[in-house]
Amino acid sequence: MAARTIAIYGKGGIGKSFTTTNLSATFALMNKRVLQLGCDPKHDSTTSLFGGIPLPTVTDLFAEKNALNQQVAISDIVFRRDIADFPQPIYGIELGGPQVGRGCGGRGIISGFDVLEKLGIFNWDIDIILMDFLGDVVCGGFATPLARSLSEEVILVTNNDRQSIFTANNICQANNYFRTIGGESRLLGLIINRDDGSGIAEKYAEAAGITVLMKVPYNAEARDKDDSFDFAIRLPEIRDKFQTLARDIIDNKITPCEAGGLDFMRFIRLFGDVSDDAPQPATADELFGRKKSDSTDEPVIGSSLLDNDHLKMKRCIEKLDAEEREVYLMVEQERSISDIAELTHREESAVRELLSSARTQLKRLFFEN
């Protein structure tokens, strides 16, 4: 039987890895074979899971092996931890990513999944794969499990602050978008971590039509467990919550949400009154410090030319053959060739041919008209 795949998304720093790690441990205690997949360039998802030991990343190992003209093996990137009082070992992988400022993290995620798929990850003897995903990045690479339906289910993690809820809403909107073009990932609901009792996240969930799966109150002992690379579920009050959620997932008791997310103005009005006034534009005079008597025409850097070129390119794209236009626009959305091939049910070679033809046609149309 294929592994159950669940993507857990949340804003950085809100306890997303804490949630994923303790859910992994809970499943393992229930005698399930669990793989936790860290999908964040910081590659720190599995640190607590492995008692503080950092795992080598797929990104780094692939680069090293590629330089030596060698293939990456499962044993290079998949690690296990045997815990004395657990009936099953826990497995972990860190995709990793480039060093800060030296590359695109989303591209690293896409490349990492390509490596794992070639190694047959979805055919391994694993019951549950939990994917720990950074959610506050809009790059398409971080939406890989949604775009390619690699995760059957999605769980959002948030606190009661506006920014983490905003991130959850973005992921909800992204998942809804991919569902409209054939995606199959289902939104299970939302977990409120470090719940302060303010009810803000619950207010959002009700407005958006998202189920609140679990509320985990702030607990200093739980934080200390995590900081010392242990499991917070060793505390009864934390364990009971995670066990209930894990059982509900395994027993399919959770009805997926049909939520599409809230548009920006509806979202922002959850937090207070918002003026409908347009923003007041700044002027060149005030920014350059000129007196009114010294003012000249406001400098504009070829705005009309840029606007004209933009509109001209849009008209050229509209003139493309339907298949060429579809592929070109998906590339413009930073989709990889492999993603496009899967979503459009074409061979990668066919996608490349369509893209090459589209670019040739656009160059001709743009400069000849």
Protein backbone atom coordinates (compact mmCIF):
# COMPACT_ATOMS: atom_id res chain seq x y z
CA MET A 1 0.00 0.00 0.00
CA ALA A 2 1.29 3.48 -0.89
CA ALA A 3 2.25 5.79 1.95
CA ARG A 4 -0.24 8.37 3.20
CA THR A 5 1.25 11.77 2.35
CA ILE A 6 0.50 14.89 4.38
CA ALA A 7 2.03 18.34 3.79
CA ILE A 8 2.21 20.56 6.87
CA TYR A 9 2.52 24.25 6.04
CA GLY A 10 3.13 27.25 8.25
CA LYS A 11 4.99 30.50 8.62
CA GLY A 12 8.59 30.21 9.75
CA GLY A 13 9.04 30.30 13.53
CA ILE A 14 5.49 29.43 14.63
CA GLY A 15 6.12 25.81 15.63
CA LYS A 16 5.53 24.04 12.34
CA SER A 17 8.49 21.67 12.83
CA PHE A 18 7.51 21.21 16.48
CA THR A 19 4.05 20.13 15.33
CA THR A 20 5.36 17.85 12.58
CA THR A 21 7.94 16.21 14.85
CA ASN A 22 5.47 15.42 17.60
CA LEU A 23 2.93 14.13 15.09
CA SER A 24 5.65 11.88 13.61
CA ALA A 25 6.49 10.58 17.07
CA THR A 26 2.81 9.98 17.83
CA PHE A 27 2.32 7.92 14.67
CA ALA A 28 5.47 5.91 15.48
CA LEU A 29 4.12 5.16 18.96
CA MET A 30 0.98 3.90 17.24
CA ASN A 31 3.19 1.36 15.43
CA LYS A 32 3.18 3.26 12.12
CA ARG A 33 6.27 3.51 9.92
CA VAL A 34 6.79 7.25 9.56
CA LEU A 35 9.05 9.35 7.36
CA GLN A 36 9.47 13.04 8.15
CA LEU A 37 10.58 15.07 5.15
CA GLY A 38 12.04 18.49 5.94
CA CYS A 39 11.27 20.89 3.08
CA ASP A 40 12.92 24.09 4.29
CA PRO A 41 16.33 25.47 3.21
CA LYS A 42 17.20 25.84 6.92
CA HIS A 43 17.14 22.01 7.06
CA ASP A 44 16.18 21.95 10.76
CA SER A 45 12.89 20.08 10.62
CA THR A 46 14.30 16.78 11.90
CA THR A 47 16.72 18.15 14.51
CA SER A 48 14.53 17.28 17.50
CA LEU A 49 13.41 14.07 15.82
CA PHE A 50 17.05 12.89 15.73
CA GLY A 51 18.06 14.09 19.18
CA GLY A 52 19.92 17.17 17.93
CA ILE A 53 21.86 15.42 15.15
CA PRO A 54 21.74 17.44 11.89
CA LEU A 55 21.06 15.30 8.85
CA PRO A 56 23.04 15.63 5.60
CA THR A 57 20.77 17.21 3.00
CA VAL A 58 19.67 15.95 -0.39
CA THR A 59 20.90 19.19 -1.97
CA ASP A 60 24.42 18.87 -0.56
CA LEU A 61 24.73 15.14 -1.19
CA PHE A 62 23.48 15.47 -4.75
CA ALA A 63 26.03 18.22 -5.49
CA GLU A 64 28.88 16.14 -4.00
CA LYS A 65 27.90 12.97 -5.86
CA ASN A 66 27.31 14.83 -9.10
CA ALA A 67 30.81 16.36 -8.93
CA LEU A 68 32.22 12.83 -8.65
CA ASN A 69 29.91 11.51 -11.39
CA GLN A 70 28.25 9.20 -8.85
CA GLN A 71 24.60 8.38 -8.20
CA VAL A 72 22.81 9.29 -4.96
CA ALA A 73 21.69 6.20 -3.03
CA ILE A 74 18.89 5.88 -0.48
CA SER A 75 21.42 5.30 2.31
CA ASP A 76 23.09 8.64 1.47
CA ILE A 77 20.03 10.73 2.32
CA VAL A 78 17.54 8.67 4.37
CA PHE A 79 18.26 8.17 8.06
CA ARG A 80 16.54 6.28 10.86
CA ARG A 81 16.37 6.73 14.60
CA ASP A 82 15.58 3.88 16.94
CA ILE A 83 14.09 5.06 20.23
CA ALA A 84 14.01 2.67 23.19
CA ASP A 85 10.33 3.02 24.07
CA PHE A 86 9.04 3.29 20.46
CA PRO A 87 7.74 0.19 18.63
CA GLN A 88 8.89 1.57 15.27
CA PRO A 89 11.96 3.53 14.13
CA ILE A 90 11.40 7.02 12.73
CA TYR A 91 12.87 7.94 9.35
CA GLY A 92 14.01 11.39 8.29
CA ILE A 93 15.16 13.29 5.21
CA GLU A 94 16.20 16.95 4.84
CA LEU A 95 15.93 18.40 1.34
CA GLY A 96 18.02 21.43 2.30
CA GLY A 97 18.74 24.28 -0.07
CA PRO A 98 21.32 26.88 -1.08
CA GLN A 99 23.18 29.04 1.39
CA VAL A 100 21.61 32.42 2.08
CA GLY A 101 21.80 34.67 -0.96
CA ARG A 102 23.36 32.00 -3.17
CA GLY A 103 20.43 30.44 -4.96
CA CYS A 104 16.71 29.77 -5.13
CA GLY A 105 15.28 27.69 -2.28
CA GLY A 106 12.24 26.76 -4.34
CA ARG A 107 14.39 25.33 -7.10
CA GLY A 108 16.18 23.27 -4.46
CA ILE A 109 12.84 21.83 -3.33
CA ILE A 110 11.89 20.88 -6.90
CA SER A 111 15.30 19.26 -7.53
CA GLY A 112 15.11 17.43 -4.22
CA PHE A 113 11.74 15.92 -5.06
CA ASP A 114 13.07 14.86 -8.46
CA VAL A 115 15.86 12.93 -6.70
CA LEU A 116 13.45 11.31 -4.22
CA GLU A 117 11.00 10.27 -6.93
CA LYS A 118 13.81 8.63 -8.89
CA LEU A 119 14.67 6.71 -5.71
CA GLY A 120 11.06 5.53 -5.50
CA ILE A 121 10.02 7.37 -2.33
CA PHE A 122 6.31 6.78 -2.89
CA ASN A 123 6.87 3.04 -3.23
CA TRP A 124 8.84 2.57 -0.01
CA ASP A 125 7.40 0.47 2.83
CA ILE A 126 6.27 3.55 4.76
CA ASP A 127 2.83 4.16 6.26
CA ILE A 128 2.91 7.95 6.53
CA ILE A 129 5.10 10.67 5.00
CA LEU A 130 4.88 14.02 6.76
CA MET A 131 6.26 16.91 4.68
CA ASP A 132 7.31 19.89 6.80
CA PHE A 133 6.99 22.89 4.47
CA LEU A 134 7.87 26.53 4.86
CA GLY A 135 4.68 28.43 4.03
CA ASP A 136 5.63 32.13 3.93
CA VAL A 137 7.39 31.96 0.56
CA VAL A 138 5.37 32.51 -2.60
CA CYS A 139 7.90 30.78 -4.89
CA GLY A 140 6.31 27.93 -6.83
CA GLY A 141 8.90 25.43 -5.61
CA PHE A 142 7.40 25.44 -2.15
CA ALA A 143 4.02 24.60 -3.65
CA THR A 144 5.42 21.45 -5.28
CA PRO A 145 3.28 18.97 -3.27
CA LEU A 146 0.16 20.95 -4.15
CA ALA A 147 1.00 21.59 -7.80
CA ARG A 148 1.90 17.97 -8.45
CA SER A 149 -0.56 16.40 -5.97
CA LEU A 150 2.36 14.73 -4.16
CA SER A 151 0.57 15.27 -0.86
CA GLU A 152 -2.87 13.73 -0.45
CA GLU A 153 -3.67 16.06 2.40
CA VAL A 154 -2.66 19.47 3.72
CA ILE A 155 -2.60 20.75 7.29
CA LEU A 156 -2.04 24.44 8.10
CA VAL A 157 -0.26 25.50 11.30
CA THR A 158 -0.70 28.99 12.71
CA ASN A 159 -0.55 31.08 15.86
CA ASN A 160 -3.05 33.78 16.77
CA ASP A 161 -1.08 36.58 15.10
CA ARG A 162 -2.13 38.18 11.82
CA GLN A 163 1.03 37.34 9.86
CA SER A 164 0.93 33.60 10.54
CA ILE A 165 -2.80 33.52 9.74
CA PHE A 166 -2.11 35.49 6.55
CA THR A 167 0.41 32.80 5.55
CA ALA A 168 -2.14 30.07 6.24
CA ASN A 169 -4.67 31.93 4.09
CA ASN A 170 -2.15 32.16 1.23
CA ILE A 171 -1.58 28.39 1.30
CA CYS A 172 -5.32 27.80 1.41
CA GLN A 173 -5.73 29.98 -1.69
CA ALA A 174 -2.85 28.19 -3.45
CA ASN A 175 -4.32 24.77 -2.74
CA ASN A 176 -7.70 25.92 -3.99
CA TYR A 177 -6.10 27.24 -7.19
CA PHE A 178 -4.36 23.95 -7.91
CA ARG A 179 -7.60 22.07 -7.28
CA THR A 180 -9.26 24.14 -10.02
CA ILE A 181 -6.68 22.89 -12.55
CA GLY A 182 -6.77 19.25 -11.53
CA GLY A 183 -4.86 19.13 -8.23
CA GLU A 184 -6.00 16.50 -5.76
CA SER A 185 -4.51 17.67 -2.43
CA ARG A 186 -7.27 18.03 0.19
CA LEU A 187 -7.18 20.55 3.00
CA LEU A 188 -7.80 18.77 6.31
CA GLY A 189 -7.78 21.87 8.46
CA LEU A 190 -5.80 24.11 10.74
CA ILE A 191 -3.75 23.61 13.93
CA ILE A 192 -3.40 26.54 16.34
CA ASN A 193 -0.04 26.31 18.08
CA ARG A 194 0.87 28.30 21.20
CA ASP A 195 -2.81 29.12 21.59
CA ASP A 196 -3.24 32.16 23.86
CA GLY A 197 -7.01 31.85 24.04
CA SER A 198 -7.61 35.06 22.08
CA GLY A 199 -9.67 33.24 19.45
CA ILE A 200 -8.22 35.18 16.52
CA ALA A 201 -7.22 32.12 14.49
CA GLU A 202 -10.59 30.51 15.25
CA LYS A 203 -12.33 33.66 13.98
CA TYR A 204 -10.39 33.38 10.72
CA ALA A 205 -11.07 29.64 10.42
CA GLU A 206 -14.81 30.19 10.82
CA ALA A 207 -14.84 32.97 8.22
CA ALA A 208 -12.81 30.90 5.75
CA GLY A 209 -14.66 27.63 6.35
CA ILE A 210 -11.60 25.78 7.69
CA THR A 211 -11.81 23.13 10.42
CA VAL A 212 -9.74 23.71 13.55
CA LEU A 213 -8.10 20.31 14.07
CA MET A 214 -6.23 20.98 17.29
CA LYS A 215 -5.33 23.79 19.68
CA VAL A 216 -1.99 23.46 21.48
CA PRO A 217 -1.63 25.95 24.35
CA TYR A 218 1.71 27.56 25.11
CA ASN A 219 3.54 25.28 27.52
CA ALA A 220 6.97 26.11 28.96
CA GLU A 221 7.73 22.43 29.62
CA ALA A 222 6.88 21.56 26.03
CA ARG A 223 9.22 24.29 24.82
CA ASP A 224 11.98 22.96 27.06
CA LYS A 225 11.47 19.45 25.69
CA ASP A 226 11.80 20.76 22.14
CA ASP A 227 14.85 22.89 22.98
CA SER A 228 16.56 19.83 24.48
CA PHE A 229 15.75 17.73 21.36
CA ASP A 230 13.09 15.62 23.03
CA PHE A 231 9.39 15.09 22.30
CA ALA A 232 6.74 17.31 23.87
CA ILE A 233 4.29 14.39 23.66
CA ARG A 234 6.07 12.92 26.69
CA LEU A 235 3.90 15.42 28.59
CA PRO A 236 0.40 13.92 29.07
CA GLU A 237 -1.49 17.13 28.26
CA ILE A 238 0.36 17.44 24.94
CA ARG A 239 0.33 13.70 24.14
CA ASP A 240 -3.46 13.45 24.47
CA LYS A 241 -4.02 16.19 21.88
CA PHE A 242 -1.64 14.67 19.34
CA GLN A 243 -3.01 11.16 19.87
CA THR A 244 -6.56 12.33 19.21
CA LEU A 245 -5.51 14.08 16.01
CA ALA A 246 -3.40 11.12 14.84
CA ARG A 247 -6.26 8.66 15.41
CA ASP A 248 -8.69 10.91 13.54
CA ILE A 249 -6.30 11.07 10.59
CA ILE A 250 -5.70 7.31 10.50
CA ASP A 251 -9.40 6.51 10.88
CA ASN A 252 -10.36 9.07 8.20
CA LYS A 253 -12.66 10.89 10.60
CA ILE A 254 -11.72 14.33 9.28
CA THR A 255 -13.85 15.71 6.46
CA PRO A 256 -11.66 17.75 4.08
CA CYS A 257 -12.46 21.46 3.83
CA GLU A 258 -13.69 23.10 0.63
CA ALA A 259 -12.24 26.47 1.68
CA GLY A 260 -10.77 28.70 -1.00
CA GLY A 261 -9.29 31.29 1.35
CA LEU A 262 -10.29 34.91 1.88
CA ASP A 263 -9.48 37.77 -0.49
CA PHE A 264 -7.18 40.42 0.98
CA MET A 265 -9.79 43.00 1.98
CA ARG A 266 -12.08 40.41 3.58
CA PHE A 267 -9.10 38.96 5.41
CA ILE A 268 -7.78 42.28 6.68
CA ARG A 269 -11.21 43.37 7.93
CA LEU A 270 -11.21 40.42 10.35
CA PHE A 271 -8.72 42.39 12.41
CA GLY A 272 -10.43 45.77 12.53
CA ASP A 273 -11.97 48.59 10.52
CA VAL A 274 -10.11 49.41 7.32
CA SER A 275 -10.53 52.65 5.39
CA ASP A 276 -11.72 52.48 1.79
CA ASP A 277 -9.67 55.59 0.92
CA ALA A 278 -7.04 55.29 -1.78
CA PRO A 279 -3.43 55.67 -0.59
CA GLN A 280 -1.99 59.18 -0.91
CA PRO A 281 0.77 59.32 -3.54
CA ALA A 282 4.10 60.95 -2.77
CA THR A 283 5.49 63.56 -5.17
CA ALA A 284 8.91 64.08 -6.69
CA ASP A 285 9.02 67.57 -5.12
CA GLU A 286 8.80 66.30 -1.54
CA LEU A 287 11.19 63.42 -2.13
CA PHE A 288 13.85 65.55 -3.84
CA GLY A 289 13.31 68.32 -1.27
CA ARG A 290 12.52 70.94 -3.90
CA LYS A 291 10.64 74.09 -3.14
CA LYS A 292 7.51 74.71 -5.15
CA SER A 293 9.24 77.48 -7.12
CA ASP A 294 11.99 75.02 -8.13
CA SER A 295 9.66 72.26 -9.22
CA THR A 296 9.95 70.73 -12.64
CA ASP A 297 8.05 67.95 -14.30
CA GLU A 298 8.11 64.82 -12.20
CA PRO A 299 10.73 62.38 -13.54
CA VAL A 300 9.26 59.27 -15.12
CA ILE A 301 11.54 56.46 -16.20
CA GLY A 302 10.03 55.49 -19.51
CA SER A 303 6.76 54.50 -17.92
CA SER A 304 4.70 54.93 -21.06
CA LEU A 305 7.25 52.96 -23.08
CA LEU A 306 7.29 50.16 -20.49
CA ASP A 307 3.50 50.09 -20.37
CA ASN A 308 3.31 49.96 -24.16
CA ASP A 309 5.83 47.12 -24.35
CA HIS A 310 3.98 45.20 -21.64
CA LEU A 311 0.68 45.53 -23.48
CA LYS A 312 2.35 44.66 -26.76
CA MET A 313 3.81 41.48 -25.27
CA LYS A 314 0.41 40.51 -23.87
CA ARG A 315 -1.10 40.89 -27.34
CA CYS A 316 1.70 38.77 -28.81
CA ILE A 317 1.12 36.01 -26.24
CA GLU A 318 -2.58 36.01 -27.13
CA LYS A 319 -1.66 35.31 -30.75
CA LEU A 320 0.25 32.13 -29.88
CA ASP A 321 -1.15 28.70 -30.62
CA ALA A 322 -3.22 27.51 -27.62
CA GLU A 323 -0.74 24.79 -26.63
CA GLU A 324 2.26 27.10 -26.95
CA ARG A 325 0.48 29.80 -24.95
CA GLU A 326 -0.40 27.35 -22.15
CA VAL A 327 3.19 26.13 -21.77
CA TYR A 328 4.70 29.63 -22.03
CA LEU A 329 2.41 31.06 -19.34
CA MET A 330 3.15 28.15 -16.99
CA VAL A 331 6.89 28.77 -17.38
CA GLU A 332 6.27 32.44 -16.62
CA GLN A 333 4.70 31.25 -13.35
CA GLU A 334 8.06 29.57 -12.53
CA ARG A 335 6.83 26.04 -13.15
CA SER A 336 9.53 23.52 -14.01
CA ILE A 337 9.47 21.52 -17.24
CA SER A 338 8.74 18.33 -15.29
CA ASP A 339 5.84 20.01 -13.44
CA ILE A 340 4.34 21.25 -16.71
CA ALA A 341 4.72 17.85 -18.34
CA GLU A 342 2.86 16.19 -15.48
CA LEU A 343 0.11 18.81 -15.28
CA THR A 344 -0.50 18.86 -19.05
CA HIS A 345 0.00 15.11 -19.59
CA ARG A 346 2.81 15.62 -22.11
CA GLU A 347 6.33 14.28 -22.49
CA GLU A 348 9.04 16.68 -21.25
CA SER A 349 10.52 16.76 -24.77
CA ALA A 350 7.15 17.93 -26.12
CA VAL A 351 6.96 20.66 -23.48
CA ARG A 352 10.43 21.91 -24.42
CA GLU A 353 9.52 21.96 -28.11
CA LEU A 354 6.37 23.97 -27.41
CA LEU A 355 8.28 26.40 -25.21
CA SER A 356 11.01 26.88 -27.83
CA SER A 357 8.44 27.44 -30.53
CA ALA A 358 6.51 29.90 -28.33
CA ARG A 359 9.64 31.97 -27.65
CA THR A 360 10.56 32.01 -31.34
CA GLN A 361 7.06 33.15 -32.29
CA LEU A 362 7.01 35.83 -29.58
CA LYS A 363 10.32 37.26 -30.77
CA ARG A 364 9.03 37.45 -34.33
CA LEU A 365 5.65 38.90 -33.36
CA PHE A 366 7.13 41.48 -30.97
CA PHE A 367 9.81 42.89 -33.24
CA GLU A 368 7.99 42.65 -36.55
CA ASN A 369 4.82 44.44 -35.44
